[in-house]
């Protein structure tokens, strides 16, 4: 994703200029942004202070890291399940591992 040439502090400053009474069209022309960009910023940062924006950025970064960790863990889990399934198939084809089970589940094992 392309990074903005404006940081959070600058964006909040631009939004405060508009709240102070500067027209949206003039503000967009002054800073070289489109009105769509301005309204997108207003939806995301409207009513925030600079400290709130920093907290928001930190939370977004932490959320991205956690999503990446979750995706990696789910991938590892899927791989382990696949390997376990293949090992189980190989054991069944080789004749099992250890004591043999009775042919019918209803029959008790010998010596019981």
PDB file of N, CA and C in Angstrom:
ATOM      1  N   UNK A   1       0.841  -1.167   0.000  1.00  0.00           N
ATOM      2  CA  UNK A   1       0.000   0.000   0.000  1.00  0.00           C
ATOM      3  C   UNK A   1       0.888   1.232   0.000  1.00  0.00           C
ATOM      4  N   UNK A   2       0.544   2.210  -0.808  1.00  0.00           N
ATOM      5  CA  UNK A   2       1.333   3.421  -0.934  1.00  0.00           C
ATOM      6  C   UNK A   2       1.186   4.275   0.315  1.00  0.00           C
ATOM      7  N   UNK A   3       2.312   4.752   0.823  1.00  0.00           N
ATOM      8  CA  UNK A   3       2.310   5.627   1.988  1.00  0.00           C
ATOM      9  C   UNK A   3       1.965   7.034   1.551  1.00  0.00           C
ATOM     10  N   UNK A   4       1.224   7.718   2.386  1.00  0.00           N
ATOM     11  CA  UNK A   4       0.849   9.098   2.128  1.00  0.00           C
ATOM     12  C   UNK A   4       2.066  10.000   2.297  1.00  0.00           C
ATOM     13  N   UNK A   5       2.078  11.093   1.581  1.00  0.00           N
ATOM     14  CA  UNK A   5       3.167  12.049   1.776  1.00  0.00           C
ATOM     15  C   UNK A   5       2.912  12.928   2.989  1.00  0.00           C
ATOM     16  N   UNK A   6       1.756  12.752   3.597  1.00  0.00           N
ATOM     17  CA  UNK A   6       1.405  13.476   4.816  1.00  0.00           C
ATOM     18  C   UNK A   6       1.384  12.496   5.986  1.00  0.00           C
ATOM     19  N   UNK A   7       1.928  12.910   7.128  1.00  0.00           N
ATOM     20  CA  UNK A   7       1.832  12.061   8.307  1.00  0.00           C
ATOM     21  C   UNK A   7       0.568  12.422   9.090  1.00  0.00           C
ATOM     22  N   UNK A   8       0.315  11.705  10.157  1.00  0.00           N
ATOM     23  CA  UNK A   8      -0.932  11.902  10.900  1.00  0.00           C
ATOM     24  C   UNK A   8      -1.063  13.316  11.454  1.00  0.00           C
ATOM     25  N   UNK A   9       0.057  13.866  11.936  1.00  0.00           N
ATOM     26  CA  UNK A   9       0.008  15.211  12.501  1.00  0.00           C
ATOM     27  C   UNK A   9      -0.389  16.243  11.453  1.00  0.00           C
ATOM     28  N   UNK A  10       0.178  16.100  10.253  1.00  0.00           N
ATOM     29  CA  UNK A  10      -0.153  17.028   9.176  1.00  0.00           C
ATOM     30  C   UNK A  10      -1.614  16.884   8.746  1.00  0.00           C
ATOM     31  N   UNK A  11      -2.080  15.644   8.674  1.00  0.00           N
ATOM     32  CA  UNK A  11      -3.473  15.406   8.275  1.00  0.00           C
ATOM     33  C   UNK A  11      -4.425  16.042   9.283  1.00  0.00           C
ATOM     34  N   UNK A  12      -4.145  15.858  10.562  1.00  0.00           N
ATOM     35  CA  UNK A  12      -5.013  16.436  11.599  1.00  0.00           C
ATOM     36  C   UNK A  12      -4.953  17.957  11.529  1.00  0.00           C
ATOM     37  N   UNK A  13      -3.777  18.514  11.236  1.00  0.00           N
ATOM     38  CA  UNK A  13      -3.660  19.961  11.064  1.00  0.00           C
ATOM     39  C   UNK A  13      -4.512  20.465   9.910  1.00  0.00           C
ATOM     40  N   UNK A  14      -4.513  19.744   8.808  1.00  0.00           N
ATOM     41  CA  UNK A  14      -5.340  20.118   7.648  1.00  0.00           C
ATOM     42  C   UNK A  14      -6.817  20.056   8.006  1.00  0.00           C
ATOM     43  N   UNK A  15      -7.219  19.012   8.726  1.00  0.00           N
ATOM     44  CA  UNK A  15      -8.621  18.893   9.133  1.00  0.00           C
ATOM     45  C   UNK A  15      -9.016  20.021  10.083  1.00  0.00           C
ATOM     46  N   UNK A  16      -8.108  20.441  10.946  1.00  0.00           N
ATOM     47  CA  UNK A  16      -8.398  21.539  11.870  1.00  0.00           C
ATOM     48  C   UNK A  16      -8.543  22.857  11.120  1.00  0.00           C
ATOM     49  N   UNK A  17      -7.766  23.027  10.047  1.00  0.00           N
ATOM     50  CA  UNK A  17      -7.918  24.225   9.211  1.00  0.00           C
ATOM     51  C   UNK A  17      -9.334  24.293   8.640  1.00  0.00           C
ATOM     52  N   UNK A  18      -9.849  23.157   8.193  1.00  0.00           N
ATOM     53  CA  UNK A  18     -11.202  23.135   7.630  1.00  0.00           C
ATOM     54  C   UNK A  18     -12.229  23.421   8.709  1.00  0.00           C
ATOM     55  N   UNK A  19     -12.001  22.902   9.925  1.00  0.00           N
ATOM     56  CA  UNK A  19     -12.923  23.166  11.024  1.00  0.00           C
ATOM     57  C   UNK A  19     -12.896  24.638  11.422  1.00  0.00           C
ATOM     58  N   UNK A  20     -11.747  25.304  11.202  1.00  0.00           N
ATOM     59  CA  UNK A  20     -11.614  26.714  11.556  1.00  0.00           C
ATOM     60  C   UNK A  20     -12.346  27.629  10.577  1.00  0.00           C
ATOM     61  N   UNK A  21     -12.789  27.090   9.452  1.00  0.00           N
ATOM     62  CA  UNK A  21     -13.598  27.890   8.547  1.00  0.00           C
ATOM     63  C   UNK A  21     -13.088  27.986   7.129  1.00  0.00           C
ATOM     64  N   UNK A  22     -11.934  27.412   6.834  1.00  0.00           N
ATOM     65  CA  UNK A  22     -11.422  27.435   5.466  1.00  0.00           C
ATOM     66  C   UNK A  22     -12.253  26.477   4.613  1.00  0.00           C
ATOM     67  N   UNK A  23     -12.591  26.907   3.413  1.00  0.00           N
ATOM     68  CA  UNK A  23     -13.405  26.072   2.528  1.00  0.00           C
ATOM     69  C   UNK A  23     -12.673  24.823   2.095  1.00  0.00           C
ATOM     70  N   UNK A  24     -13.418  23.749   1.870  1.00  0.00           N
ATOM     71  CA  UNK A  24     -12.835  22.462   1.507  1.00  0.00           C
ATOM     72  C   UNK A  24     -12.092  22.550   0.174  1.00  0.00           C
ATOM     73  N   UNK A  25     -12.683  23.216  -0.802  1.00  0.00           N
ATOM     74  CA  UNK A  25     -12.051  23.323  -2.119  1.00  0.00           C
ATOM     75  C   UNK A  25     -10.748  24.093  -2.017  1.00  0.00           C
ATOM     76  N   UNK A  26     -10.761  25.225  -1.289  1.00  0.00           N
ATOM     77  CA  UNK A  26      -9.544  26.022  -1.122  1.00  0.00           C
ATOM     78  C   UNK A  26      -8.474  25.244  -0.364  1.00  0.00           C
ATOM     79  N   UNK A  27      -8.885  24.520   0.644  1.00  0.00           N
ATOM     80  CA  UNK A  27      -7.969  23.724   1.456  1.00  0.00           C
ATOM     81  C   UNK A  27      -7.315  22.627   0.610  1.00  0.00           C
ATOM     82  N   UNK A  28      -8.110  21.962  -0.204  1.00  0.00           N
ATOM     83  CA  UNK A  28      -7.575  20.891  -1.064  1.00  0.00           C
ATOM     84  C   UNK A  28      -6.592  21.464  -2.078  1.00  0.00           C
ATOM     85  N   UNK A  29      -6.923  22.615  -2.649  1.00  0.00           N
ATOM     86  CA  UNK A  29      -6.034  23.251  -3.623  1.00  0.00           C
ATOM     87  C   UNK A  29      -4.727  23.680  -2.949  1.00  0.00           C
ATOM     88  N   UNK A  30      -4.841  24.241  -1.744  1.00  0.00           N
ATOM     89  CA  UNK A  30      -3.669  24.725  -1.000  1.00  0.00           C
ATOM     90  C   UNK A  30      -2.682  23.597  -0.702  1.00  0.00           C
ATOM     91  N   UNK A  31      -3.190  22.435  -0.324  1.00  0.00           N
ATOM     92  CA  UNK A  31      -2.326  21.318   0.067  1.00  0.00           C
ATOM     93  C   UNK A  31      -2.092  20.316  -1.053  1.00  0.00           C
ATOM     94  N   UNK A  32      -2.738  20.487  -2.195  1.00  0.00           N
ATOM     95  CA  UNK A  32      -2.514  19.613  -3.337  1.00  0.00           C
ATOM     96  C   UNK A  32      -3.105  18.227  -3.177  1.00  0.00           C
ATOM     97  N   UNK A  33      -4.302  18.161  -2.603  1.00  0.00           N
ATOM     98  CA  UNK A  33      -4.982  16.874  -2.430  1.00  0.00           C
ATOM     99  C   UNK A  33      -6.340  16.942  -3.104  1.00  0.00           C
ATOM    100  N   UNK A  34      -6.920  15.785  -3.342  1.00  0.00           N
ATOM    101  CA  UNK A  34      -8.259  15.750  -3.935  1.00  0.00           C
ATOM    102  C   UNK A  34      -9.301  15.837  -2.826  1.00  0.00           C
ATOM    103  N   UNK A  35     -10.498  16.183  -3.202  1.00  0.00           N
ATOM    104  CA  UNK A  35     -11.568  16.252  -2.205  1.00  0.00           C
ATOM    105  C   UNK A  35     -11.891  14.850  -1.675  1.00  0.00           C
ATOM    106  N   UNK A  36     -11.719  13.810  -2.507  1.00  0.00           N
ATOM    107  CA  UNK A  36     -11.953  12.434  -2.052  1.00  0.00           C
ATOM    108  C   UNK A  36     -10.956  12.070  -0.954  1.00  0.00           C
ATOM    109  N   UNK A  37      -9.704  12.473  -1.138  1.00  0.00           N
ATOM    110  CA  UNK A  37      -8.693  12.221  -0.119  1.00  0.00           C
ATOM    111  C   UNK A  37      -9.037  12.949   1.165  1.00  0.00           C
ATOM    112  N   UNK A  38      -9.460  14.201   1.031  1.00  0.00           N
ATOM    113  CA  UNK A  38      -9.825  14.977   2.206  1.00  0.00           C
ATOM    114  C   UNK A  38     -10.956  14.296   2.987  1.00  0.00           C
ATOM    115  N   UNK A  39     -11.996  13.867   2.293  1.00  0.00           N
ATOM    116  CA  UNK A  39     -13.130  13.249   2.991  1.00  0.00           C
ATOM    117  C   UNK A  39     -12.768  11.872   3.561  1.00  0.00           C
ATOM    118  N   UNK A  40     -11.842  11.171   2.906  1.00  0.00           N
ATOM    119  CA  UNK A  40     -11.358   9.898   3.453  1.00  0.00           C
ATOM    120  C   UNK A  40     -10.607  10.152   4.759  1.00  0.00           C
ATOM    121  N   UNK A  41      -9.766  11.184   4.761  1.00  0.00           N
ATOM    122  CA  UNK A  41      -9.052  11.562   5.981  1.00  0.00           C
ATOM    123  C   UNK A  41     -10.027  11.984   7.069  1.00  0.00           C
ATOM    124  N   UNK A  42     -11.035  12.729   6.667  1.00  0.00           N
ATOM    125  CA  UNK A  42     -12.008  13.223   7.650  1.00  0.00           C
ATOM    126  C   UNK A  42     -12.747  12.047   8.294  1.00  0.00           C
ATOM    127  N   UNK A  43     -13.062  11.023   7.503  1.00  0.00           N
ATOM    128  CA  UNK A  43     -13.747   9.850   8.041  1.00  0.00           C
ATOM    129  C   UNK A  43     -12.842   9.086   9.006  1.00  0.00           C
ATOM    130  N   UNK A  44     -11.541   9.035   8.706  1.00  0.00           N
ATOM    131  CA  UNK A  44     -10.624   8.265   9.539  1.00  0.00           C
ATOM    132  C   UNK A  44     -10.116   9.061  10.739  1.00  0.00           C
ATOM    133  N   UNK A  45      -9.749  10.310  10.523  1.00  0.00           N
ATOM    134  CA  UNK A  45      -9.091  11.095  11.562  1.00  0.00           C
ATOM    135  C   UNK A  45      -9.952  12.204  12.144  1.00  0.00           C
ATOM    136  N   UNK A  46     -11.177  12.365  11.683  1.00  0.00           N
ATOM    137  CA  UNK A  46     -12.027  13.448  12.165  1.00  0.00           C
ATOM    138  C   UNK A  46     -12.267  13.354  13.664  1.00  0.00           C
ATOM    139  N   UNK A  47     -12.007  14.437  14.388  1.00  0.00           N
ATOM    140  CA  UNK A  47     -12.231  14.463  15.826  1.00  0.00           C
ATOM    141  C   UNK A  47     -11.082  13.917  16.655  1.00  0.00           C
ATOM    142  N   UNK A  48     -10.010  13.457  16.010  1.00  0.00           N
ATOM    143  CA  UNK A  48      -8.865  12.918  16.747  1.00  0.00           C
ATOM    144  C   UNK A  48      -7.850  14.019  17.039  1.00  0.00           C
ATOM    145  N   UNK A  49      -7.149  13.845  18.125  1.00  0.00           N
ATOM    146  CA  UNK A  49      -5.994  14.690  18.431  1.00  0.00           C
ATOM    147  C   UNK A  49      -4.750  13.944  17.962  1.00  0.00           C
ATOM    148  N   UNK A  50      -3.613  14.624  17.976  1.00  0.00           N
ATOM    149  CA  UNK A  50      -2.370  14.021  17.501  1.00  0.00           C
ATOM    150  C   UNK A  50      -2.010  12.786  18.323  1.00  0.00           C
ATOM    151  N   UNK A  51      -2.185  12.862  19.648  1.00  0.00           N
ATOM    152  CA  UNK A  51      -1.857  11.706  20.488  1.00  0.00           C
ATOM    153  C   UNK A  51      -2.773  10.518  20.175  1.00  0.00           C
ATOM    154  N   UNK A  52      -4.044  10.815  19.893  1.00  0.00           N
ATOM    155  CA  UNK A  52      -4.972   9.741  19.526  1.00  0.00           C
ATOM    156  C   UNK A  52      -4.564   9.097  18.206  1.00  0.00           C
ATOM    157  N   UNK A  53      -4.098   9.907  17.264  1.00  0.00           N
ATOM    158  CA  UNK A  53      -3.668   9.376  15.971  1.00  0.00           C
ATOM    159  C   UNK A  53      -2.448   8.475  16.142  1.00  0.00           C
ATOM    160  N   UNK A  54      -1.539   8.852  17.039  1.00  0.00           N
ATOM    161  CA  UNK A  54      -0.367   8.012  17.282  1.00  0.00           C
ATOM    162  C   UNK A  54      -0.783   6.680  17.891  1.00  0.00           C
ATOM    163  N   UNK A  55      -1.732   6.724  18.821  1.00  0.00           N
ATOM    164  CA  UNK A  55      -2.231   5.488  19.422  1.00  0.00           C
ATOM    165  C   UNK A  55      -2.903   4.621  18.370  1.00  0.00           C
ATOM    166  N   UNK A  56      -3.673   5.253  17.481  1.00  0.00           N
ATOM    167  CA  UNK A  56      -4.341   4.527  16.406  1.00  0.00           C
ATOM    168  C   UNK A  56      -3.316   3.837  15.506  1.00  0.00           C
ATOM    169  N   UNK A  57      -2.249   4.527  15.154  1.00  0.00           N
ATOM    170  CA  UNK A  57      -1.204   3.953  14.299  1.00  0.00           C
ATOM    171  C   UNK A  57      -0.544   2.766  15.012  1.00  0.00           C
ATOM    172  N   UNK A  58      -0.261   2.927  16.309  1.00  0.00           N
ATOM    173  CA  UNK A  58       0.369   1.838  17.062  1.00  0.00           C
ATOM    174  C   UNK A  58      -0.546   0.613  17.113  1.00  0.00           C
ATOM    175  N   UNK A  59      -1.837   0.845  17.314  1.00  0.00           N
ATOM    176  CA  UNK A  59      -2.783  -0.275  17.347  1.00  0.00           C
ATOM    177  C   UNK A  59      -2.906  -0.951  15.990  1.00  0.00           C
ATOM    178  N   UNK A  60      -2.897  -0.156  14.912  1.00  0.00           N
ATOM    179  CA  UNK A  60      -2.967  -0.735  13.573  1.00  0.00           C
ATOM    180  C   UNK A  60      -1.732  -1.588  13.284  1.00  0.00           C
ATOM    181  N   UNK A  61      -0.563  -1.107  13.698  1.00  0.00           N
ATOM    182  CA  UNK A  61       0.670  -1.883  13.495  1.00  0.00           C
ATOM    183  C   UNK A  61       0.637  -3.185  14.290  1.00  0.00           C
ATOM    184  N   UNK A  62       0.190  -3.097  15.548  1.00  0.00           N
ATOM    185  CA  UNK A  62       0.102  -4.297  16.376  1.00  0.00           C
ATOM    186  C   UNK A  62      -0.900  -5.288  15.797  1.00  0.00           C
ATOM    187  N   UNK A  63      -2.018  -4.774  15.294  1.00  0.00           N
ATOM    188  CA  UNK A  63      -3.036  -5.636  14.692  1.00  0.00           C
ATOM    189  C   UNK A  63      -2.481  -6.346  13.457  1.00  0.00           C
ATOM    190  N   UNK A  64      -1.697  -5.643  12.652  1.00  0.00           N
ATOM    191  CA  UNK A  64      -1.103  -6.261  11.464  1.00  0.00           C
ATOM    192  C   UNK A  64      -0.145  -7.385  11.863  1.00  0.00           C
ATOM    193  N   UNK A  65       0.666  -7.151  12.908  1.00  0.00           N
ATOM    194  CA  UNK A  65       1.591  -8.185  13.367  1.00  0.00           C
ATOM    195  C   UNK A  65       0.835  -9.409  13.881  1.00  0.00           C
ATOM    196  N   UNK A  66      -0.234  -9.162  14.635  1.00  0.00           N
ATOM    197  CA  UNK A  66      -1.013 -10.280  15.173  1.00  0.00           C
ATOM    198  C   UNK A  66      -1.697 -11.071  14.062  1.00  0.00           C
ATOM    199  N   UNK A  67      -2.198 -10.379  13.053  1.00  0.00           N
ATOM    200  CA  UNK A  67      -2.812 -11.081  11.918  1.00  0.00           C
ATOM    201  C   UNK A  67      -1.788 -11.953  11.200  1.00  0.00           C
ATOM    202  N   UNK A  68      -0.558 -11.440  11.062  1.00  0.00           N
ATOM    203  CA  UNK A  68       0.483 -12.216  10.404  1.00  0.00           C
ATOM    204  C   UNK A  68       0.833 -13.452  11.234  1.00  0.00           C
ATOM    205  N   UNK A  69       0.953 -13.281  12.551  1.00  0.00           N
ATOM    206  CA  UNK A  69       1.237 -14.422  13.423  1.00  0.00           C
ATOM    207  C   UNK A  69       0.129 -15.464  13.365  1.00  0.00           C
ATOM    208  N   UNK A  70      -1.119 -15.017  13.348  1.00  0.00           N
ATOM    209  CA  UNK A  70      -2.243 -15.947  13.267  1.00  0.00           C
ATOM    210  C   UNK A  70      -2.224 -16.713  11.953  1.00  0.00           C
ATOM    211  N   UNK A  71      -1.954 -16.030  10.858  1.00  0.00           N
ATOM    212  CA  UNK A  71      -1.902 -16.697   9.561  1.00  0.00           C
ATOM    213  C   UNK A  71      -0.795 -17.748   9.532  1.00  0.00           C
ATOM    214  N   UNK A  72       0.365 -17.407  10.096  1.00  0.00           N
ATOM    215  CA  UNK A  72       1.464 -18.372  10.136  1.00  0.00           C
ATOM    216  C   UNK A  72       1.117 -19.579  11.005  1.00  0.00           C
ATOM    217  N   UNK A  73       0.471 -19.333  12.140  1.00  0.00           N
ATOM    218  CA  UNK A  73       0.085 -20.433  13.032  1.00  0.00           C
ATOM    219  C   UNK A  73      -0.946 -21.341  12.357  1.00  0.00           C
ATOM    220  N   UNK A  74      -1.901 -20.742  11.643  1.00  0.00           N
ATOM    221  CA  UNK A  74      -2.908 -21.549  10.953  1.00  0.00           C
ATOM    222  C   UNK A  74      -2.269 -22.378   9.843  1.00  0.00           C
ATOM    223  N   UNK A  75      -1.283 -21.798   9.152  1.00  0.00           N
ATOM    224  CA  UNK A  75      -0.575 -22.536   8.104  1.00  0.00           C
ATOM    225  C   UNK A  75       0.210 -23.700   8.708  1.00  0.00           C
ATOM    226  N   UNK A  76       0.908 -23.449   9.811  1.00  0.00           N
ATOM    227  CA  UNK A  76       1.637 -24.525  10.488  1.00  0.00           C
ATOM    228  C   UNK A  76       0.686 -25.633  10.932  1.00  0.00           C
ATOM    229  N   UNK A  77      -0.456 -25.254  11.464  1.00  0.00           N
ATOM    230  CA  UNK A  77      -1.451 -26.229  11.920  1.00  0.00           C
ATOM    231  C   UNK A  77      -1.953 -27.080  10.756  1.00  0.00           C
ATOM    232  N   UNK A  78      -2.233 -26.440   9.626  1.00  0.00           N
ATOM    233  CA  UNK A  78      -2.711 -27.176   8.456  1.00  0.00           C
ATOM    234  C   UNK A  78      -1.646 -28.150   7.956  1.00  0.00           C
ATOM    235  N   UNK A  79      -0.394 -27.716   7.961  1.00  0.00           N
ATOM    236  CA  UNK A  79       0.698 -28.594   7.510  1.00  0.00           C
ATOM    237  C   UNK A  79       0.836 -29.789   8.445  1.00  0.00           C
ATOM    238  N   UNK A  80       0.768 -29.550   9.758  1.00  0.00           N
ATOM    239  CA  UNK A  80       0.874 -30.647  10.715  1.00  0.00           C
ATOM    240  C   UNK A  80      -0.275 -31.630  10.570  1.00  0.00           C
ATOM    241  N   UNK A  81      -1.480 -31.140  10.323  1.00  0.00           N
ATOM    242  CA  UNK A  81      -2.621 -32.041  10.110  1.00  0.00           C
ATOM    243  C   UNK A  81      -2.420 -32.883   8.861  1.00  0.00           C
ATOM    244  N   UNK A  82      -1.892 -32.272   7.821  1.00  0.00           N
ATOM    245  CA  UNK A  82      -1.662 -32.999   6.578  1.00  0.00           C
ATOM    246  C   UNK A  82      -0.609 -34.088   6.777  1.00  0.00           C
ATOM    247  N   UNK A  83       0.461 -33.763   7.482  1.00  0.00           N
ATOM    248  CA  UNK A  83       1.513 -34.742   7.750  1.00  0.00           C
ATOM    249  C   UNK A  83       0.978 -35.869   8.624  1.00  0.00           C
ATOM    250  N   UNK A  84       0.184 -35.525   9.635  1.00  0.00           N
ATOM    251  CA  UNK A  84      -0.381 -36.548  10.516  1.00  0.00           C
ATOM    252  C   UNK A  84      -1.320 -37.468   9.748  1.00  0.00           C
ATOM    253  N   UNK A  85      -2.085 -36.920   8.816  1.00  0.00           N
ATOM    254  CA  UNK A  85      -2.993 -37.743   8.024  1.00  0.00           C
ATOM    255  C   UNK A  85      -2.203 -38.698   7.124  1.00  0.00           C
ATOM    256  N   UNK A  86      -1.113 -38.206   6.533  1.00  0.00           N
ATOM    257  CA  UNK A  86      -0.299 -39.064   5.680  1.00  0.00           C
ATOM    258  C   UNK A  86       0.365 -40.166   6.500  1.00  0.00           C
ATOM    259  N   UNK A  87       0.848 -39.838   7.695  1.00  0.00           N
ATOM    260  CA  UNK A  87       1.468 -40.845   8.560  1.00  0.00           C
ATOM    261  C   UNK A  87       0.442 -41.883   9.001  1.00  0.00           C
ATOM    262  N   UNK A  88      -0.770 -41.479   9.276  1.00  0.00           N
ATOM    263  CA  UNK A  88      -1.823 -42.414   9.667  1.00  0.00           C
ATOM    264  C   UNK A  88      -2.167 -43.367   8.547  1.00  0.00           C
ATOM    265  N   UNK A  89      -2.207 -42.858   7.300  1.00  0.00           N
ATOM    266  CA  UNK A  89      -2.472 -43.721   6.150  1.00  0.00           C
ATOM    267  C   UNK A  89      -1.353 -44.734   5.968  1.00  0.00           C
ATOM    268  N   UNK A  90      -0.115 -44.318   6.152  1.00  0.00           N
ATOM    269  CA  UNK A  90       1.024 -45.220   5.981  1.00  0.00           C
ATOM    270  C   UNK A  90       1.007 -46.308   7.047  1.00  0.00           C
ATOM    271  N   UNK A  91       0.625 -45.974   8.259  1.00  0.00           N
ATOM    272  CA  UNK A  91       0.577 -46.966   9.334  1.00  0.00           C
ATOM    273  C   UNK A  91      -0.527 -47.994   9.061  1.00  0.00           C
ATOM    274  N   UNK A  92      -1.665 -47.514   8.579  1.00  0.00           N
ATOM    275  CA  UNK A  92      -2.756 -48.451   8.289  1.00  0.00           C
ATOM    276  C   UNK A  92      -2.374 -49.413   7.176  1.00  0.00           C
ATOM    277  N   UNK A  93      -1.667 -48.926   6.161  1.00  0.00           N
ATOM    278  CA  UNK A  93      -1.260 -49.784   5.059  1.00  0.00           C
ATOM    279  C   UNK A  93      -0.179 -50.775   5.494  1.00  0.00           C
ATOM    280  N   UNK A  94       0.648 -50.396   6.470  1.00  0.00           N
ATOM    281  CA  UNK A  94       1.728 -51.267   6.929  1.00  0.00           C
ATOM    282  C   UNK A  94       1.232 -52.308   7.930  1.00  0.00           C
ATOM    283  N   UNK A  95       0.020 -52.200   8.375  1.00  0.00           N
ATOM    284  CA  UNK A  95      -0.514 -53.208   9.289  1.00  0.00           C
ATOM    285  C   UNK A  95      -0.690 -52.700  10.708  1.00  0.00           C
ATOM    286  N   UNK A  96      -0.623 -51.444  10.923  1.00  0.00           N
ATOM    287  CA  UNK A  96      -0.860 -50.905  12.265  1.00  0.00           C
ATOM    288  C   UNK A  96       0.421 -50.727  13.028  1.00  0.00           C
ATOM    289  N   UNK A  97       0.255 -50.247  14.243  1.00  0.00           N
ATOM    290  CA  UNK A  97       1.428 -50.031  15.082  1.00  0.00           C
ATOM    291  C   UNK A  97       1.136 -50.612  16.457  1.00  0.00           C
ATOM    292  N   UNK A  98       1.722 -51.725  16.773  1.00  0.00           N
ATOM    293  CA  UNK A  98       1.526 -52.305  18.094  1.00  0.00           C
ATOM    294  C   UNK A  98       0.477 -53.397  18.062  1.00  0.00           C
ATOM    295  N   UNK A  99      -0.292 -53.513  19.165  1.00  0.00           N
ATOM    296  CA  UNK A  99      -1.276 -54.587  19.310  1.00  0.00           C
ATOM    297  C   UNK A  99      -2.380 -54.456  18.272  1.00  0.00           C
ATOM    298  N   UNK A 100      -2.828 -55.589  17.789  1.00  0.00           N
ATOM    299  CA  UNK A 100      -3.906 -55.591  16.793  1.00  0.00           C
ATOM    300  C   UNK A 100      -5.236 -55.527  17.499  1.00  0.00           C
ATOM    301  N   UNK A 101      -6.142 -54.808  16.921  1.00  0.00           N
ATOM    302  CA  UNK A 101      -7.489 -54.698  17.472  1.00  0.00           C
ATOM    303  C   UNK A 101      -8.320 -55.884  17.005  1.00  0.00           C
ATOM    304  N   UNK A 102      -9.320 -56.272  17.786  1.00  0.00           N
ATOM    305  CA  UNK A 102     -10.205 -57.351  17.325  1.00  0.00           C
ATOM    306  C   UNK A 102     -10.905 -56.932  16.032  1.00  0.00           C
ATOM    307  N   UNK A 103     -11.272 -57.944  15.210  1.00  0.00           N
ATOM    308  CA  UNK A 103     -11.900 -57.643  13.930  1.00  0.00           C
ATOM    309  C   UNK A 103     -13.229 -56.933  14.110  1.00  0.00           C
ATOM    310  N   UNK A 104     -14.023 -57.370  15.048  1.00  0.00           N
ATOM    311  CA  UNK A 104     -15.321 -56.727  15.294  1.00  0.00           C
ATOM    312  C   UNK A 104     -15.223 -55.982  16.613  1.00  0.00           C
ATOM    313  N   UNK A 105     -15.691 -54.780  16.648  1.00  0.00           N
ATOM    314  CA  UNK A 105     -15.577 -53.965  17.857  1.00  0.00           C
ATOM    315  C   UNK A 105     -16.364 -54.551  19.037  1.00  0.00           C
ATOM    316  N   UNK A 106     -17.375 -55.312  18.767  1.00  0.00           N
ATOM    317  CA  UNK A 106     -18.189 -55.878  19.828  1.00  0.00           C
ATOM    318  C   UNK A 106     -17.522 -57.039  20.551  1.00  0.00           C
ATOM    319  N   UNK A 107     -16.508 -57.669  19.943  1.00  0.00           N
ATOM    320  CA  UNK A 107     -15.837 -58.821  20.565  1.00  0.00           C
ATOM    321  C   UNK A 107     -14.807 -58.330  21.572  1.00  0.00           C
ATOM    322  N   UNK A 108     -14.770 -58.931  22.745  1.00  0.00           N
ATOM    323  CA  UNK A 108     -13.734 -58.557  23.716  1.00  0.00           C
ATOM    324  C   UNK A 108     -12.396 -59.122  23.264  1.00  0.00           C
ATOM    325  N   UNK A 109     -11.356 -58.488  23.657  1.00  0.00           N
ATOM    326  CA  UNK A 109     -10.011 -58.954  23.323  1.00  0.00           C
ATOM    327  C   UNK A 109      -9.726 -60.247  24.060  1.00  0.00           C
ATOM    328  N   UNK A 110      -8.820 -61.069  23.544  1.00  0.00           N
ATOM    329  CA  UNK A 110      -8.486 -62.343  24.160  1.00  0.00           C
ATOM    330  C   UNK A 110      -7.901 -62.119  25.531  1.00  0.00           C
ATOM    331  N   UNK A 111      -8.320 -62.918  26.503  1.00  0.00           N
ATOM    332  CA  UNK A 111      -7.794 -62.836  27.854  1.00  0.00           C
ATOM    333  C   UNK A 111      -8.546 -61.877  28.741  1.00  0.00           C
ATOM    334  N   UNK A 112      -9.637 -61.324  28.282  1.00  0.00           N
ATOM    335  CA  UNK A 112     -10.389 -60.392  29.120  1.00  0.00           C
ATOM    336  C   UNK A 112     -11.591 -61.066  29.692  1.00  0.00           C
TER     337      UNK A 112
END
